Amino acid sequence: MKYQSILEELGLAQNEAKIYETLLQNGEMAVGTIAEKSGIHRRNVYDSLRRLIEKGLVFEILETKNVRYQATDPGRFSEILDEKKQKLDAILPDLSALYENVPNPEALFLYRGIEGWKNYLSDVLLCKKELRIIAAVDKIQDPRTEQFMKQYYLEMKRKNIPAKVLFRHDTKTKNGKAEGPLAEIAEYRILPKEYPIGAGIGIFHDRTAIFTDTVSQEKIENETTITFIKNKSIADSMRLIFDALWVISKK
C-alpha cells in the first residue's frame, strides 16, 4: 500500500488504511472482494468498514443481492482535521490552565533526529516566550522538514514570539545581511570569527536546548541530539552569556 503509513498518521487504524486505499484504487466492491484485494480477513473487514462509515470515509451501496462499498472523496480528511482542531481549540484554554497550575519540576532529557528537532520547535511555540539562539545556522534546507519549518515560522509571526539570534561566524551574507527565514523574523548579529562555536544553543522561558554540531544547513542527521534542560537558573545564566556575546558580535 503506497499511502498506508500517511493514512495511519491521519488517524486511521492499519486495516482501515488498507481498506480505504483499496477502495480508492478499485472503486466500489463487495466485502469478499475487499478482503481478497486488501489481504484482510473477511471478519475484520466488516469491523473496519463500520468505523470508516462512521468517519464518513466510506459509504454503502445497497443492492438486492448484496451490499457494496465505496470510498468517499479524500477531501473528507481535511474536514475531519478541521473538526478535530475546532474541538481542541474549544478546550485548549482549560487544558493550558491545568498545565500551568501544576508545578513542573526540573528536568533533563534528550531529543534525537528530526522528530526531536520538531519537538523542540513545538515547545518554543507552546511557551510563547522570547527565543534566543547562539550559533544558529541561517536556514535548514532538509526537504524532510521543509513544510514543518515553513509552518513554524508562520506560527512564530502569528504568535508574536520575539527572537534574538547570534548566527555562526561563517554565515553567508548578501549586501551585509544574513539570508533565510530565521533572519526575517529575528533581531540578529553574527558571531566573530574568533568564536567558532559549533554546537547551537536555544534559550527560552526556563529551558535551554543544546544541539550537537551535526545540525548543518543541508539537513538534520539521525544522530543529531538535543540536550534539553528545564531549569530557570541555567536558562537565566545562558541569557547572560548570550548578552555578553551580543555586545561583541557584528550587527
C-alpha atoms as a PDB file:
ATOM      1  CA  MET A   1       0.000   0.000   0.000  1.00  0.00           C
ATOM      2  CA  LYS A   2       1.559   3.242  -1.150  1.00  0.00           C
ATOM      3  CA  TYR A   3      -0.200   5.645   1.223  1.00  0.00           C
ATOM      4  CA  GLN A   4      -0.941   3.389   4.196  1.00  0.00           C
ATOM      5  CA  SER A   5       1.542   4.986   6.611  1.00  0.00           C
ATOM      6  CA  ILE A   6       0.283   8.507   5.825  1.00  0.00           C
ATOM      7  CA  LEU A   7      -3.343   7.442   6.224  1.00  0.00           C
ATOM      8  CA  GLU A   8      -2.444   5.963   9.607  1.00  0.00           C
ATOM      9  CA  GLU A   9      -0.823   9.258  10.626  1.00  0.00           C
ATOM     10  CA  LEU A  10      -4.119  10.943   9.705  1.00  0.00           C
ATOM     11  CA  GLY A  11      -5.904   8.782  12.264  1.00  0.00           C
ATOM     12  CA  LEU A  12      -6.859   5.526  10.544  1.00  0.00           C
ATOM     13  CA  ALA A  13      -6.106   2.133  12.050  1.00  0.00           C
ATOM     14  CA  GLN A  14      -3.928  -0.190   9.986  1.00  0.00           C
ATOM     15  CA  ASN A  15      -6.813  -2.208   8.497  1.00  0.00           C
ATOM     16  CA  GLU A  16      -8.865   0.940   7.904  1.00  0.00           C
ATOM     17  CA  ALA A  17      -6.000   2.496   5.940  1.00  0.00           C
ATOM     18  CA  LYS A  18      -5.577  -0.636   3.807  1.00  0.00           C
ATOM     19  CA  ILE A  19      -9.282  -0.886   3.058  1.00  0.00           C
ATOM     20  CA  TYR A  20      -9.700   2.802   2.262  1.00  0.00           C
ATOM     21  CA  GLU A  21      -6.747   2.771  -0.158  1.00  0.00           C
ATOM     22  CA  THR A  22      -8.023  -0.465  -1.711  1.00  0.00           C
ATOM     23  CA  LEU A  23     -11.410   1.137  -2.357  1.00  0.00           C
ATOM     24  CA  LEU A  24      -9.785   4.269  -3.806  1.00  0.00           C
ATOM     25  CA  GLN A  25      -7.788   2.133  -6.226  1.00  0.00           C
ATOM     26  CA  ASN A  26     -10.567  -0.224  -7.291  1.00  0.00           C
ATOM     27  CA  GLY A  27     -13.876   1.572  -6.845  1.00  0.00           C
ATOM     28  CA  GLU A  28     -16.978   0.005  -5.310  1.00  0.00           C
ATOM     29  CA  MET A  29     -16.607  -3.572  -4.103  1.00  0.00           C
ATOM     30  CA  ALA A  30     -18.316  -6.229  -2.027  1.00  0.00           C
ATOM     31  CA  VAL A  31     -16.838  -7.378   1.279  1.00  0.00           C
ATOM     32  CA  GLY A  32     -15.398 -10.576  -0.210  1.00  0.00           C
ATOM     33  CA  THR A  33     -13.506  -8.676  -2.897  1.00  0.00           C
ATOM     34  CA  ILE A  34     -12.252  -6.115  -0.386  1.00  0.00           C
ATOM     35  CA  ALA A  35     -10.918  -8.941   1.805  1.00  0.00           C
ATOM     36  CA  GLU A  36      -9.195 -10.563  -1.167  1.00  0.00           C
ATOM     37  CA  LYS A  37      -7.546  -7.410  -2.516  1.00  0.00           C
ATOM     38  CA  SER A  38      -6.551  -5.924   0.857  1.00  0.00           C
ATOM     39  CA  GLY A  39      -5.341  -9.181   2.394  1.00  0.00           C
ATOM     40  CA  ILE A  40      -7.517  -8.668   5.482  1.00  0.00           C
ATOM     41  CA  HIS A  41      -9.695 -11.434   6.949  1.00  0.00           C
ATOM     42  CA  ARG A  42     -13.345 -11.021   5.956  1.00  0.00           C
ATOM     43  CA  ARG A  43     -14.494 -10.807   9.610  1.00  0.00           C
ATOM     44  CA  ASN A  44     -12.097  -7.912  10.282  1.00  0.00           C
ATOM     45  CA  VAL A  45     -13.175  -6.153   7.089  1.00  0.00           C
ATOM     46  CA  TYR A  46     -16.705  -5.724   8.479  1.00  0.00           C
ATOM     47  CA  ASP A  47     -15.402  -4.054  11.663  1.00  0.00           C
ATOM     48  CA  SER A  48     -13.120  -1.686   9.753  1.00  0.00           C
ATOM     49  CA  LEU A  49     -15.825  -0.779   7.236  1.00  0.00           C
ATOM     50  CA  ARG A  50     -18.182   0.110  10.088  1.00  0.00           C
ATOM     51  CA  ARG A  51     -15.610   2.506  11.570  1.00  0.00           C
ATOM     52  CA  LEU A  52     -14.834   4.018   8.153  1.00  0.00           C
ATOM     53  CA  ILE A  53     -18.551   4.627   7.580  1.00  0.00           C
ATOM     54  CA  GLU A  54     -18.804   6.333  10.996  1.00  0.00           C
ATOM     55  CA  LYS A  55     -15.918   8.616   9.984  1.00  0.00           C
ATOM     56  CA  GLY A  56     -17.612   9.449   6.690  1.00  0.00           C
ATOM     57  CA  LEU A  57     -14.818   7.914   4.605  1.00  0.00           C
ATOM     58  CA  VAL A  58     -16.823   5.032   3.131  1.00  0.00           C
ATOM     59  CA  PHE A  59     -20.498   4.656   2.172  1.00  0.00           C
ATOM     60  CA  GLU A  60     -22.728   1.670   1.424  1.00  0.00           C
ATOM     61  CA  ILE A  61     -24.332   0.970  -1.937  1.00  0.00           C
ATOM     62  CA  LEU A  62     -27.449  -1.092  -1.299  1.00  0.00           C
ATOM     63  CA  GLU A  63     -28.402  -3.653  -3.936  1.00  0.00           C
ATOM     64  CA  THR A  64     -30.897  -6.511  -3.951  1.00  0.00           C
ATOM     65  CA  LYS A  65     -28.251  -9.244  -3.842  1.00  0.00           C
ATOM     66  CA  ASN A  66     -25.502  -7.807  -1.703  1.00  0.00           C
ATOM     67  CA  VAL A  67     -24.040  -4.634  -0.267  1.00  0.00           C
ATOM     68  CA  ARG A  68     -21.122  -2.914  -1.935  1.00  0.00           C
ATOM     69  CA  TYR A  69     -18.857  -0.238  -0.508  1.00  0.00           C
ATOM     70  CA  GLN A  70     -17.144   2.809  -1.969  1.00  0.00           C
ATOM     71  CA  ALA A  71     -14.634   5.326  -0.642  1.00  0.00           C
ATOM     72  CA  THR A  72     -15.712   8.955  -0.279  1.00  0.00           C
ATOM     73  CA  ASP A  73     -13.720  11.907  -1.613  1.00  0.00           C
ATOM     74  CA  PRO A  74     -10.285  12.100   0.139  1.00  0.00           C
ATOM     75  CA  GLY A  75     -11.088  15.754   0.813  1.00  0.00           C
ATOM     76  CA  ARG A  76     -13.078  14.399   3.755  1.00  0.00           C
ATOM     77  CA  PHE A  77      -9.741  14.144   5.628  1.00  0.00           C
ATOM     78  CA  SER A  78      -9.438  17.937   5.596  1.00  0.00           C
ATOM     79  CA  GLU A  79     -12.918  18.184   7.103  1.00  0.00           C
ATOM     80  CA  ILE A  80     -12.010  15.651   9.816  1.00  0.00           C
ATOM     81  CA  LEU A  81      -8.850  17.571  10.721  1.00  0.00           C
ATOM     82  CA  ASP A  82     -10.786  20.857  10.837  1.00  0.00           C
ATOM     83  CA  GLU A  83     -13.391  19.278  13.127  1.00  0.00           C
ATOM     84  CA  LYS A  84     -10.656  17.958  15.442  1.00  0.00           C
ATOM     85  CA  LYS A  85      -8.970  21.360  15.526  1.00  0.00           C
ATOM     86  CA  GLN A  86     -12.239  23.064  16.459  1.00  0.00           C
ATOM     87  CA  LYS A  87     -12.717  20.612  19.328  1.00  0.00           C
ATOM     88  CA  LEU A  88      -9.133  21.168  20.509  1.00  0.00           C
ATOM     89  CA  ASP A  89      -9.435  24.955  20.287  1.00  0.00           C
ATOM     90  CA  ALA A  90     -12.584  24.795  22.423  1.00  0.00           C
ATOM     91  CA  ILE A  91     -10.837  23.037  25.324  1.00  0.00           C
ATOM     92  CA  LEU A  92      -7.272  24.301  24.882  1.00  0.00           C
ATOM     93  CA  PRO A  93      -7.617  27.221  27.350  1.00  0.00           C
ATOM     94  CA  ASP A  94      -8.796  24.812  30.050  1.00  0.00           C
ATOM     95  CA  LEU A  95      -6.015  22.331  29.277  1.00  0.00           C
ATOM     96  CA  SER A  96      -3.417  25.115  29.389  1.00  0.00           C
ATOM     97  CA  ALA A  97      -4.775  26.297  32.750  1.00  0.00           C
ATOM     98  CA  LEU A  98      -4.445  22.792  34.160  1.00  0.00           C
ATOM     99  CA  TYR A  99      -0.868  22.582  32.873  1.00  0.00           C
ATOM    100  CA  GLU A 100       0.119  25.964  34.323  1.00  0.00           C
ATOM    101  CA  ASN A 101      -1.387  25.198  37.741  1.00  0.00           C
ATOM    102  CA  VAL A 102       0.720  22.078  38.266  1.00  0.00           C
ATOM    103  CA  PRO A 103       4.335  22.710  39.376  1.00  0.00           C
ATOM    104  CA  ASN A 104       6.752  21.457  36.736  1.00  0.00           C
ATOM    105  CA  PRO A 105       9.940  20.049  38.258  1.00  0.00           C
ATOM    106  CA  GLU A 106      13.377  20.498  36.784  1.00  0.00           C
ATOM    107  CA  ALA A 107      14.170  18.023  34.039  1.00  0.00           C
ATOM    108  CA  LEU A 108      16.979  16.815  31.804  1.00  0.00           C
ATOM    109  CA  PHE A 109      16.371  14.684  28.732  1.00  0.00           C
ATOM    110  CA  LEU A 110      17.456  14.117  25.131  1.00  0.00           C
ATOM    111  CA  TYR A 111      15.700  14.643  21.823  1.00  0.00           C
ATOM    112  CA  ARG A 112      17.116  12.899  18.759  1.00  0.00           C
ATOM    113  CA  GLY A 113      16.893  13.305  14.971  1.00  0.00           C
ATOM    114  CA  ILE A 114      14.179  15.086  13.000  1.00  0.00           C
ATOM    115  CA  GLU A 115      11.352  14.245  15.413  1.00  0.00           C
ATOM    116  CA  GLY A 116      13.450  15.578  18.288  1.00  0.00           C
ATOM    117  CA  TRP A 117      14.032  18.790  16.334  1.00  0.00           C
ATOM    118  CA  LYS A 118      10.282  19.143  15.768  1.00  0.00           C
ATOM    119  CA  ASN A 119       9.585  18.551  19.473  1.00  0.00           C
ATOM    120  CA  TYR A 120      11.990  21.329  20.418  1.00  0.00           C
ATOM    121  CA  LEU A 121      10.413  23.814  17.990  1.00  0.00           C
ATOM    122  CA  SER A 122       6.910  22.857  19.098  1.00  0.00           C
ATOM    123  CA  ASP A 123       7.926  23.563  22.692  1.00  0.00           C
ATOM    124  CA  VAL A 124       9.082  27.048  21.658  1.00  0.00           C
ATOM    125  CA  LEU A 125       5.650  27.737  20.155  1.00  0.00           C
ATOM    126  CA  LEU A 126       3.820  26.405  23.199  1.00  0.00           C
ATOM    127  CA  CYS A 127       5.811  28.521  25.664  1.00  0.00           C
ATOM    128  CA  LYS A 128       5.286  31.743  23.663  1.00  0.00           C
ATOM    129  CA  LYS A 129       8.359  33.289  25.319  1.00  0.00           C
ATOM    130  CA  GLU A 130      11.307  35.099  23.738  1.00  0.00           C
ATOM    131  CA  LEU A 131      13.675  32.758  21.933  1.00  0.00           C
ATOM    132  CA  ARG A 132      17.422  33.343  21.873  1.00  0.00           C
ATOM    133  CA  ILE A 133      19.794  31.241  19.790  1.00  0.00           C
ATOM    134  CA  ILE A 134      23.580  31.081  19.966  1.00  0.00           C
ATOM    135  CA  ALA A 135      25.478  29.772  16.892  1.00  0.00           C
ATOM    136  CA  ALA A 136      22.405  29.439  14.691  1.00  0.00           C
ATOM    137  CA  VAL A 137      22.519  28.368  11.051  1.00  0.00           C
ATOM    138  CA  ASP A 138      20.762  30.711   8.643  1.00  0.00           C
ATOM    139  CA  LYS A 139      18.416  28.050   7.281  1.00  0.00           C
ATOM    140  CA  ILE A 140      17.705  24.314   7.239  1.00  0.00           C
ATOM    141  CA  GLN A 141      17.387  23.002   3.697  1.00  0.00           C
ATOM    142  CA  ASP A 142      16.420  19.433   4.549  1.00  0.00           C
ATOM    143  CA  PRO A 143      13.348  18.565   2.409  1.00  0.00           C
ATOM    144  CA  ARG A 144      12.068  16.314   5.210  1.00  0.00           C
ATOM    145  CA  THR A 145      11.475  19.369   7.406  1.00  0.00           C
ATOM    146  CA  GLU A 146      10.571  21.936   4.739  1.00  0.00           C
ATOM    147  CA  GLN A 147       6.809  22.025   5.325  1.00  0.00           C
ATOM    148  CA  PHE A 148       7.164  21.863   9.106  1.00  0.00           C
ATOM    149  CA  MET A 149       9.687  24.725   9.186  1.00  0.00           C
ATOM    150  CA  LYS A 150       7.504  26.867   6.922  1.00  0.00           C
ATOM    151  CA  GLN A 151       4.579  26.429   9.323  1.00  0.00           C
ATOM    152  CA  TYR A 152       6.846  27.041  12.319  1.00  0.00           C
ATOM    153  CA  TYR A 153       7.986  30.445  11.058  1.00  0.00           C
ATOM    154  CA  LEU A 154       4.381  31.404  10.273  1.00  0.00           C
ATOM    155  CA  GLU A 155       3.376  30.491  13.834  1.00  0.00           C
ATOM    156  CA  MET A 156       6.296  32.488  15.274  1.00  0.00           C
ATOM    157  CA  LYS A 157       4.967  35.543  13.444  1.00  0.00           C
ATOM    158  CA  ARG A 158       1.330  34.886  14.265  1.00  0.00           C
ATOM    159  CA  LYS A 159       2.027  34.474  17.985  1.00  0.00           C
ATOM    160  CA  ASN A 160       4.401  37.458  18.015  1.00  0.00           C
ATOM    161  CA  ILE A 161       7.156  35.436  19.670  1.00  0.00           C
ATOM    162  CA  PRO A 162      10.278  37.651  19.791  1.00  0.00           C
ATOM    163  CA  ALA A 163      13.596  36.163  18.746  1.00  0.00           C
ATOM    164  CA  LYS A 164      17.214  37.298  19.057  1.00  0.00           C
ATOM    165  CA  VAL A 165      19.784  35.276  17.147  1.00  0.00           C
ATOM    166  CA  LEU A 166      23.561  35.039  17.033  1.00  0.00           C
ATOM    167  CA  PHE A 167      24.422  33.390  13.732  1.00  0.00           C
ATOM    168  CA  ARG A 168      27.569  31.328  13.318  1.00  0.00           C
ATOM    169  CA  HIS A 169      30.692  33.206  12.347  1.00  0.00           C
ATOM    170  CA  ASP A 170      30.727  31.601   8.864  1.00  0.00           C
ATOM    171  CA  THR A 171      27.161  32.595   7.980  1.00  0.00           C
ATOM    172  CA  LYS A 172      26.934  33.838   4.408  1.00  0.00           C
ATOM    173  CA  THR A 173      25.593  37.348   3.896  1.00  0.00           C
ATOM    174  CA  LYS A 174      24.314  39.316   0.932  1.00  0.00           C
ATOM    175  CA  ASN A 175      24.729  43.087   0.951  1.00  0.00           C
ATOM    176  CA  GLY A 176      25.739  42.807   4.575  1.00  0.00           C
ATOM    177  CA  LYS A 177      22.603  40.921   5.613  1.00  0.00           C
ATOM    178  CA  ALA A 178      22.013  37.300   6.557  1.00  0.00           C
ATOM    179  CA  GLU A 179      19.529  35.408   4.409  1.00  0.00           C
ATOM    180  CA  GLY A 180      16.881  32.847   5.218  1.00  0.00           C
ATOM    181  CA  PRO A 181      13.558  32.796   7.087  1.00  0.00           C
ATOM    182  CA  LEU A 182      15.156  32.972  10.542  1.00  0.00           C
ATOM    183  CA  ALA A 183      16.828  36.281   9.702  1.00  0.00           C
ATOM    184  CA  GLU A 184      13.448  37.629   8.566  1.00  0.00           C
ATOM    185  CA  ILE A 185      11.698  37.057  11.887  1.00  0.00           C
ATOM    186  CA  ALA A 186      14.545  37.745  14.342  1.00  0.00           C
ATOM    187  CA  GLU A 187      16.799  40.533  15.501  1.00  0.00           C
ATOM    188  CA  TYR A 188      20.249  39.140  14.787  1.00  0.00           C
ATOM    189  CA  ARG A 189      24.002  39.566  14.805  1.00  0.00           C
ATOM    190  CA  ILE A 190      26.873  37.419  13.573  1.00  0.00           C
ATOM    191  CA  LEU A 191      29.433  35.933  15.934  1.00  0.00           C
ATOM    192  CA  PRO A 192      33.074  36.998  15.462  1.00  0.00           C
ATOM    193  CA  LYS A 193      35.355  34.507  13.698  1.00  0.00           C
ATOM    194  CA  GLU A 194      37.266  34.228  16.987  1.00  0.00           C
ATOM    195  CA  TYR A 195      34.223  32.363  18.338  1.00  0.00           C
ATOM    196  CA  PRO A 196      33.749  29.364  16.000  1.00  0.00           C
ATOM    197  CA  ILE A 197      31.026  27.802  18.142  1.00  0.00           C
ATOM    198  CA  GLY A 198      29.794  24.582  16.550  1.00  0.00           C
ATOM    199  CA  ALA A 199      27.025  23.426  18.880  1.00  0.00           C
ATOM    200  CA  GLY A 200      23.947  25.634  18.768  1.00  0.00           C
ATOM    201  CA  ILE A 201      22.122  26.705  21.927  1.00  0.00           C
ATOM    202  CA  GLY A 202      18.463  27.691  22.162  1.00  0.00           C
ATOM    203  CA  ILE A 203      17.204  29.547  25.257  1.00  0.00           C
ATOM    204  CA  PHE A 204      13.546  30.297  26.031  1.00  0.00           C
ATOM    205  CA  HIS A 205      11.467  30.640  29.194  1.00  0.00           C
ATOM    206  CA  ASP A 206      13.060  28.276  31.761  1.00  0.00           C
ATOM    207  CA  ARG A 207      14.570  25.978  29.111  1.00  0.00           C
ATOM    208  CA  THR A 208      17.915  25.524  27.403  1.00  0.00           C
ATOM    209  CA  ALA A 209      18.427  23.304  24.368  1.00  0.00           C
ATOM    210  CA  ILE A 210      21.970  22.385  23.335  1.00  0.00           C
ATOM    211  CA  PHE A 211      22.432  20.899  19.858  1.00  0.00           C
ATOM    212  CA  THR A 212      25.230  18.672  18.667  1.00  0.00           C
ATOM    213  CA  ASP A 213      27.089  20.244  15.761  1.00  0.00           C
ATOM    214  CA  THR A 214      25.672  17.658  13.325  1.00  0.00           C
ATOM    215  CA  VAL A 215      22.956  20.205  12.559  1.00  0.00           C
ATOM    216  CA  SER A 216      24.012  21.751   9.257  1.00  0.00           C
ATOM    217  CA  GLN A 217      22.493  23.931   6.585  1.00  0.00           C
ATOM    218  CA  GLU A 218      21.849  20.850   4.488  1.00  0.00           C
ATOM    219  CA  LYS A 219      19.990  18.545   6.855  1.00  0.00           C
ATOM    220  CA  ILE A 220      19.415  17.245  10.341  1.00  0.00           C
ATOM    221  CA  GLU A 221      21.233  13.961  10.822  1.00  0.00           C
ATOM    222  CA  ASN A 222      19.560  10.988  12.503  1.00  0.00           C
ATOM    223  CA  GLU A 223      22.278  11.075  15.163  1.00  0.00           C
ATOM    224  CA  THR A 224      21.700  14.756  15.911  1.00  0.00           C
ATOM    225  CA  THR A 225      20.845  15.093  19.600  1.00  0.00           C
ATOM    226  CA  ILE A 226      19.355  17.953  21.586  1.00  0.00           C
ATOM    227  CA  THR A 227      20.158  18.054  25.289  1.00  0.00           C
ATOM    228  CA  PHE A 228      17.110  19.677  26.844  1.00  0.00           C
ATOM    229  CA  ILE A 229      17.454  21.271  30.287  1.00  0.00           C
ATOM    230  CA  LYS A 230      14.438  22.619  32.158  1.00  0.00           C
ATOM    231  CA  ASN A 231      15.916  24.832  34.857  1.00  0.00           C
ATOM    232  CA  LYS A 232      15.268  28.560  35.314  1.00  0.00           C
ATOM    233  CA  SER A 233      18.653  29.317  36.874  1.00  0.00           C
ATOM    234  CA  ILE A 234      20.533  27.714  33.961  1.00  0.00           C
ATOM    235  CA  ALA A 235      18.329  29.465  31.397  1.00  0.00           C
ATOM    236  CA  ASP A 236      18.898  32.846  33.077  1.00  0.00           C
ATOM    237  CA  SER A 237      22.675  32.231  33.136  1.00  0.00           C
ATOM    238  CA  MET A 238      22.658  31.312  29.440  1.00  0.00           C
ATOM    239  CA  ARG A 239      20.822  34.557  28.664  1.00  0.00           C
ATOM    240  CA  LEU A 240      23.611  36.483  30.400  1.00  0.00           C
ATOM    241  CA  ILE A 241      26.177  34.656  28.239  1.00  0.00           C
ATOM    242  CA  PHE A 242      24.073  35.479  25.178  1.00  0.00           C
ATOM    243  CA  ASP A 243      24.050  39.177  26.151  1.00  0.00           C
ATOM    244  CA  ALA A 244      27.849  39.197  26.509  1.00  0.00           C
ATOM    245  CA  LEU A 245      28.297  37.618  23.077  1.00  0.00           C
ATOM    246  CA  TRP A 246      25.719  40.001  21.590  1.00  0.00           C
ATOM    247  CA  VAL A 247      27.794  43.035  22.585  1.00  0.00           C
ATOM    248  CA  ILE A 248      30.915  41.798  20.758  1.00  0.00           C
ATOM    249  CA  SER A 249      29.102  40.462  17.679  1.00  0.00           C
ATOM    250  CA  LYS A 250      28.697  42.168  14.314  1.00  0.00           C
ATOM    251  CA  LYS A 251      25.409  43.874  13.528  1.00  0.00           C
END
